[in-house]
PDB file of N, CA and C in Angstrom:
ATOM      1  N   MET A   1     174.869 122.560 187.536  1.00  0.00           N
ATOM      2  CA  MET A   1     175.414 123.685 187.542  1.00  0.00           C
ATOM      3  C   MET A   1     175.483 123.639 189.315  1.00  0.00           C
ATOM      4  N   LYS A   2     176.531 125.008 189.534  1.00  0.00           N
ATOM      5  CA  LYS A   2     176.984 125.353 190.896  1.00  0.00           C
ATOM      6  C   LYS A   2     176.579 126.541 191.500  1.00  0.00           C
ATOM      7  N   VAL A   3     176.441 126.559 192.800  1.00  0.00           N
ATOM      8  CA  VAL A   3     176.056 127.815 193.325  1.00  0.00           C
ATOM      9  C   VAL A   3     177.286 128.302 194.291  1.00  0.00           C
ATOM     10  N   ASN A   4     177.794 129.344 193.829  1.00  0.00           N
ATOM     11  CA  ASN A   4     178.908 129.834 194.458  1.00  0.00           C
ATOM     12  C   ASN A   4     179.237 130.390 196.076  1.00  0.00           C
ATOM     13  N   GLU A   5     180.138 130.680 196.706  1.00  0.00           N
ATOM     14  CA  GLU A   5     179.582 131.960 197.346  1.00  0.00           C
ATOM     15  C   GLU A   5     179.260 133.330 197.128  1.00  0.00           C
ATOM     16  N   ASN A   6     178.935 133.626 195.725  1.00  0.00           N
ATOM     17  CA  ASN A   6     178.641 134.926 195.542  1.00  0.00           C
ATOM     18  C   ASN A   6     177.194 135.048 196.045  1.00  0.00           C
ATOM     19  N   CYS A   7     176.248 134.013 196.247  1.00  0.00           N
ATOM     20  CA  CYS A   7     175.014 133.734 195.830  1.00  0.00           C
ATOM     21  C   CYS A   7     174.333 134.968 197.513  1.00  0.00           C
ATOM     22  N   VAL A   8     173.684 135.737 196.916  1.00  0.00           N
ATOM     23  CA  VAL A   8     172.633 136.282 197.971  1.00  0.00           C
ATOM     24  C   VAL A   8     171.464 136.168 198.431  1.00  0.00           C
ATOM     25  N   GLY A   9     170.776 135.184 197.456  1.00  0.00           N
ATOM     26  CA  GLY A   9     169.522 134.719 197.884  1.00  0.00           C
ATOM     27  C   GLY A   9     168.392 135.306 197.454  1.00  0.00           C
ATOM     28  N   CYS A  10     168.962 135.956 196.237  1.00  0.00           N
ATOM     29  CA  CYS A  10     168.363 136.855 195.520  1.00  0.00           C
ATOM     30  C   CYS A  10     166.906 136.844 194.609  1.00  0.00           C
ATOM     31  N   GLY A  11     167.157 135.534 193.890  1.00  0.00           N
ATOM     32  CA  GLY A  11     165.915 134.624 193.759  1.00  0.00           C
ATOM     33  C   GLY A  11     165.945 135.034 192.747  1.00  0.00           C
ATOM     34  N   GLN A  12     166.251 136.026 191.948  1.00  0.00           N
ATOM     35  CA  GLN A  12     166.070 136.279 190.041  1.00  0.00           C
ATOM     36  C   GLN A  12     166.473 135.005 189.552  1.00  0.00           C
ATOM     37  N   CYS A  13     167.385 133.896 189.634  1.00  0.00           N
ATOM     38  CA  CYS A  13     167.724 133.047 188.845  1.00  0.00           C
ATOM     39  C   CYS A  13     165.888 132.355 188.728  1.00  0.00           C
ATOM     40  N   THR A  14     165.603 132.104 189.937  1.00  0.00           N
ATOM     41  CA  THR A  14     164.672 131.097 189.723  1.00  0.00           C
ATOM     42  C   THR A  14     163.361 131.629 188.441  1.00  0.00           C
ATOM     43  N   ALA A  15     163.393 133.469 188.459  1.00  0.00           N
ATOM     44  CA  ALA A  15     162.534 133.789 187.505  1.00  0.00           C
ATOM     45  C   ALA A  15     162.294 133.353 185.911  1.00  0.00           C
ATOM     46  N   PHE A  16     164.020 132.617 186.004  1.00  0.00           N
ATOM     47  CA  PHE A  16     164.043 132.435 184.524  1.00  0.00           C
ATOM     48  C   PHE A  16     164.289 130.683 184.365  1.00  0.00           C
ATOM     49  N   CYS A  17     164.241 130.141 185.409  1.00  0.00           N
ATOM     50  CA  CYS A  17     164.727 128.694 185.235  1.00  0.00           C
ATOM     51  C   CYS A  17     163.279 127.765 184.718  1.00  0.00           C
ATOM     52  N   LYS A  18     163.333 127.125 183.306  1.00  0.00           N
ATOM     53  CA  LYS A  18     162.282 126.555 182.909  1.00  0.00           C
ATOM     54  C   LYS A  18     161.608 125.286 183.481  1.00  0.00           C
ATOM     55  N   LYS A  19     162.437 124.700 183.906  1.00  0.00           N
ATOM     56  CA  LYS A  19     162.187 123.623 184.645  1.00  0.00           C
ATOM     57  C   LYS A  19     161.612 123.597 186.228  1.00  0.00           C
ATOM     58  N   ASP A  20     161.547 124.782 187.060  1.00  0.00           N
ATOM     59  CA  ASP A  20     161.405 124.822 188.012  1.00  0.00           C
ATOM     60  C   ASP A  20     162.920 124.230 189.262  1.00  0.00           C
ATOM     61  N   ALA A  21     163.467 124.470 188.669  1.00  0.00           N
ATOM     62  CA  ALA A  21     164.938 123.387 189.203  1.00  0.00           C
ATOM     63  C   ALA A  21     165.711 124.247 190.633  1.00  0.00           C
ATOM     64  N   ILE A  22     165.001 125.537 190.869  1.00  0.00           N
ATOM     65  CA  ILE A  22     165.982 126.062 191.943  1.00  0.00           C
ATOM     66  C   ILE A  22     165.141 126.505 193.139  1.00  0.00           C
ATOM     67  N   ILE A  23     165.823 126.047 193.838  1.00  0.00           N
ATOM     68  CA  ILE A  23     164.798 126.575 195.449  1.00  0.00           C
ATOM     69  C   ILE A  23     165.813 127.710 196.086  1.00  0.00           C
ATOM     70  N   VAL A  24     165.356 128.402 196.754  1.00  0.00           N
ATOM     71  CA  VAL A  24     166.040 129.651 197.037  1.00  0.00           C
ATOM     72  C   VAL A  24     165.426 129.646 198.677  1.00  0.00           C
ATOM     73  N   LYS A  25     166.565 129.683 199.387  1.00  0.00           N
ATOM     74  CA  LYS A  25     166.370 129.465 201.047  1.00  0.00           C
ATOM     75  C   LYS A  25     167.045 131.049 201.751  1.00  0.00           C
ATOM     76  N   SER A  26     168.100 130.782 202.219  1.00  0.00           N
ATOM     77  CA  SER A  26     169.272 131.791 202.175  1.00  0.00           C
ATOM     78  C   SER A  26     170.330 131.554 201.213  1.00  0.00           C
ATOM     79  N   LYS A  27     170.174 131.576 200.357  1.00  0.00           N
ATOM     80  CA  LYS A  27     170.617 131.118 199.007  1.00  0.00           C
ATOM     81  C   LYS A  27     170.093 130.094 197.746  1.00  0.00           C
ATOM     82  N   ALA A  28     170.521 130.233 196.898  1.00  0.00           N
ATOM     83  CA  ALA A  28     169.927 129.706 195.828  1.00  0.00           C
ATOM     84  C   ALA A  28     170.721 127.852 195.789  1.00  0.00           C
ATOM     85  N   TYR A  29     169.837 126.854 195.951  1.00  0.00           N
ATOM     86  CA  TYR A  29     169.896 125.616 195.846  1.00  0.00           C
ATOM     87  C   TYR A  29     169.517 125.001 194.355  1.00  0.00           C
ATOM     88  N   ILE A  30     170.298 124.076 193.639  1.00  0.00           N
ATOM     89  CA  ILE A  30     170.053 123.665 192.372  1.00  0.00           C
ATOM     90  C   ILE A  30     169.445 122.019 192.446  1.00  0.00           C
ATOM     91  N   THR A  31     168.306 122.107 192.616  1.00  0.00           N
ATOM     92  CA  THR A  31     167.668 120.468 192.675  1.00  0.00           C
ATOM     93  C   THR A  31     167.972 119.548 190.920  1.00  0.00           C
ATOM     94  N   ASP A  32     167.714 118.298 191.298  1.00  0.00           N
ATOM     95  CA  ASP A  32     167.914 117.145 190.393  1.00  0.00           C
ATOM     96  C   ASP A  32     166.767 117.254 188.496  1.00  0.00           C
ATOM     97  N   LYS A  33     165.886 118.770 189.165  1.00  0.00           N
ATOM     98  CA  LYS A  33     165.451 118.965 187.828  1.00  0.00           C
ATOM     99  C   LYS A  33     166.280 119.475 186.952  1.00  0.00           C
ATOM    100  N   CYS A  34     167.217 119.946 187.775  1.00  0.00           N
ATOM    101  CA  CYS A  34     167.966 120.883 186.536  1.00  0.00           C
ATOM    102  C   CYS A  34     168.583 119.970 185.484  1.00  0.00           C
ATOM    103  N   VAL A  35     168.746 121.021 183.892  1.00  0.00           N
ATOM    104  CA  VAL A  35     168.619 120.151 182.718  1.00  0.00           C
ATOM    105  C   VAL A  35     170.601 120.945 182.328  1.00  0.00           C
ATOM    106  N   GLU A  36     170.410 121.615 183.145  1.00  0.00           N
ATOM    107  CA  GLU A  36     172.181 122.949 182.784  1.00  0.00           C
ATOM    108  C   GLU A  36     171.989 123.422 181.462  1.00  0.00           C
ATOM    109  N   CYS A  37     171.228 123.962 181.306  1.00  0.00           N
ATOM    110  CA  CYS A  37     171.476 124.787 180.551  1.00  0.00           C
ATOM    111  C   CYS A  37     171.717 125.953 180.566  1.00  0.00           C
ATOM    112  N   GLY A  38     171.921 126.728 181.203  1.00  0.00           N
ATOM    113  CA  GLY A  38     172.681 127.698 181.934  1.00  0.00           C
ATOM    114  C   GLY A  38     171.996 129.260 181.567  1.00  0.00           C
ATOM    115  N   ILE A  39     170.612 129.170 182.007  1.00  0.00           N
ATOM    116  CA  ILE A  39     169.758 130.326 181.709  1.00  0.00           C
ATOM    117  C   ILE A  39     170.012 130.617 182.742  1.00  0.00           C
ATOM    118  N   CYS A  40     169.968 129.951 184.240  1.00  0.00           N
ATOM    119  CA  CYS A  40     170.066 130.675 185.380  1.00  0.00           C
ATOM    120  C   CYS A  40     171.104 131.777 185.553  1.00  0.00           C
ATOM    121  N   ALA A  41     172.549 131.238 185.079  1.00  0.00           N
ATOM    122  CA  ALA A  41     173.912 131.467 185.205  1.00  0.00           C
ATOM    123  C   ALA A  41     173.496 132.923 184.601  1.00  0.00           C
ATOM    124  N   THR A  42     173.193 133.037 183.400  1.00  0.00           N
ATOM    125  CA  THR A  42     173.373 134.089 182.314  1.00  0.00           C
ATOM    126  C   THR A  42     172.548 135.103 183.295  1.00  0.00           C
ATOM    127  N   TYR A  43     171.630 135.173 183.796  1.00  0.00           N
ATOM    128  CA  TYR A  43     171.166 135.984 184.612  1.00  0.00           C
ATOM    129  C   TYR A  43     171.245 136.173 185.901  1.00  0.00           C
ATOM    130  N   CYS A  44     172.139 135.683 186.708  1.00  0.00           N
ATOM    131  CA  CYS A  44     172.372 136.088 187.763  1.00  0.00           C
ATOM    132  C   CYS A  44     173.384 137.172 188.192  1.00  0.00           C
ATOM    133  N   PRO A  45     172.620 137.970 188.483  1.00  0.00           N
ATOM    134  CA  PRO A  45     173.671 139.407 188.856  1.00  0.00           C
ATOM    135  C   PRO A  45     174.670 139.389 189.654  1.00  0.00           C
ATOM    136  N   MET A  46     174.650 138.442 190.475  1.00  0.00           N
ATOM    137  CA  MET A  46     176.173 138.273 191.616  1.00  0.00           C
ATOM    138  C   MET A  46     176.948 137.750 190.660  1.00  0.00           C
ATOM    139  N   LYS A  47     176.852 136.440 189.590  1.00  0.00           N
ATOM    140  CA  LYS A  47     177.584 135.804 188.552  1.00  0.00           C
ATOM    141  C   LYS A  47     178.049 134.512 189.793  1.00  0.00           C
ATOM    142  N   ALA A  48     177.167 134.412 190.794  1.00  0.00           N
ATOM    143  CA  ALA A  48     176.854 132.989 191.562  1.00  0.00           C
ATOM    144  C   ALA A  48     176.583 131.246 191.012  1.00  0.00           C
ATOM    145  N   ILE A  49     176.305 131.715 189.634  1.00  0.00           N
ATOM    146  CA  ILE A  49     176.142 130.233 189.341  1.00  0.00           C
ATOM    147  C   ILE A  49     176.992 129.780 188.118  1.00  0.00           C
ATOM    148  N   GLU A  50     177.557 128.606 188.332  1.00  0.00           N
ATOM    149  CA  GLU A  50     178.594 127.995 187.532  1.00  0.00           C
ATOM    150  C   GLU A  50     178.147 126.892 186.789  1.00  0.00           C
ATOM    151  N   VAL A  51     178.569 126.699 185.919  1.00  0.00           N
ATOM    152  CA  VAL A  51     178.454 124.885 185.369  1.00  0.00           C
ATOM    153  C   VAL A  51     179.614 124.370 185.579  1.00  0.00           C
ATOM    154  N   ALA A  52     178.781 122.994 186.538  1.00  0.00           N
ATOM    155  CA  ALA A  52     179.532 122.074 187.334  1.00  0.00           C
ATOM    156  C   ALA A  52     180.666 121.558 185.923  1.00  0.00           C
ATOM    157  N   GLU A  53     181.811 120.959 186.756  1.00  0.00           N
ATOM    158  CA  GLU A  53     182.632 120.137 185.398  1.00  0.00           C
ATOM    159  C   GLU A  53     182.702 118.963 186.133  1.00  0.00           C
TER     160      GLU A  53
END
């Protein structure tokens, strides 16, 4: 997963991550715990999380 420049650091994505793989400081950061399920991207109001290719 990749966090783009649209991230405002709201933290809404963390509420849906089943693996606690997201850390939010000034913006969201995806950690190595991520299994790329995409749930965070689905619920991101800013559409700031994308599947990395």
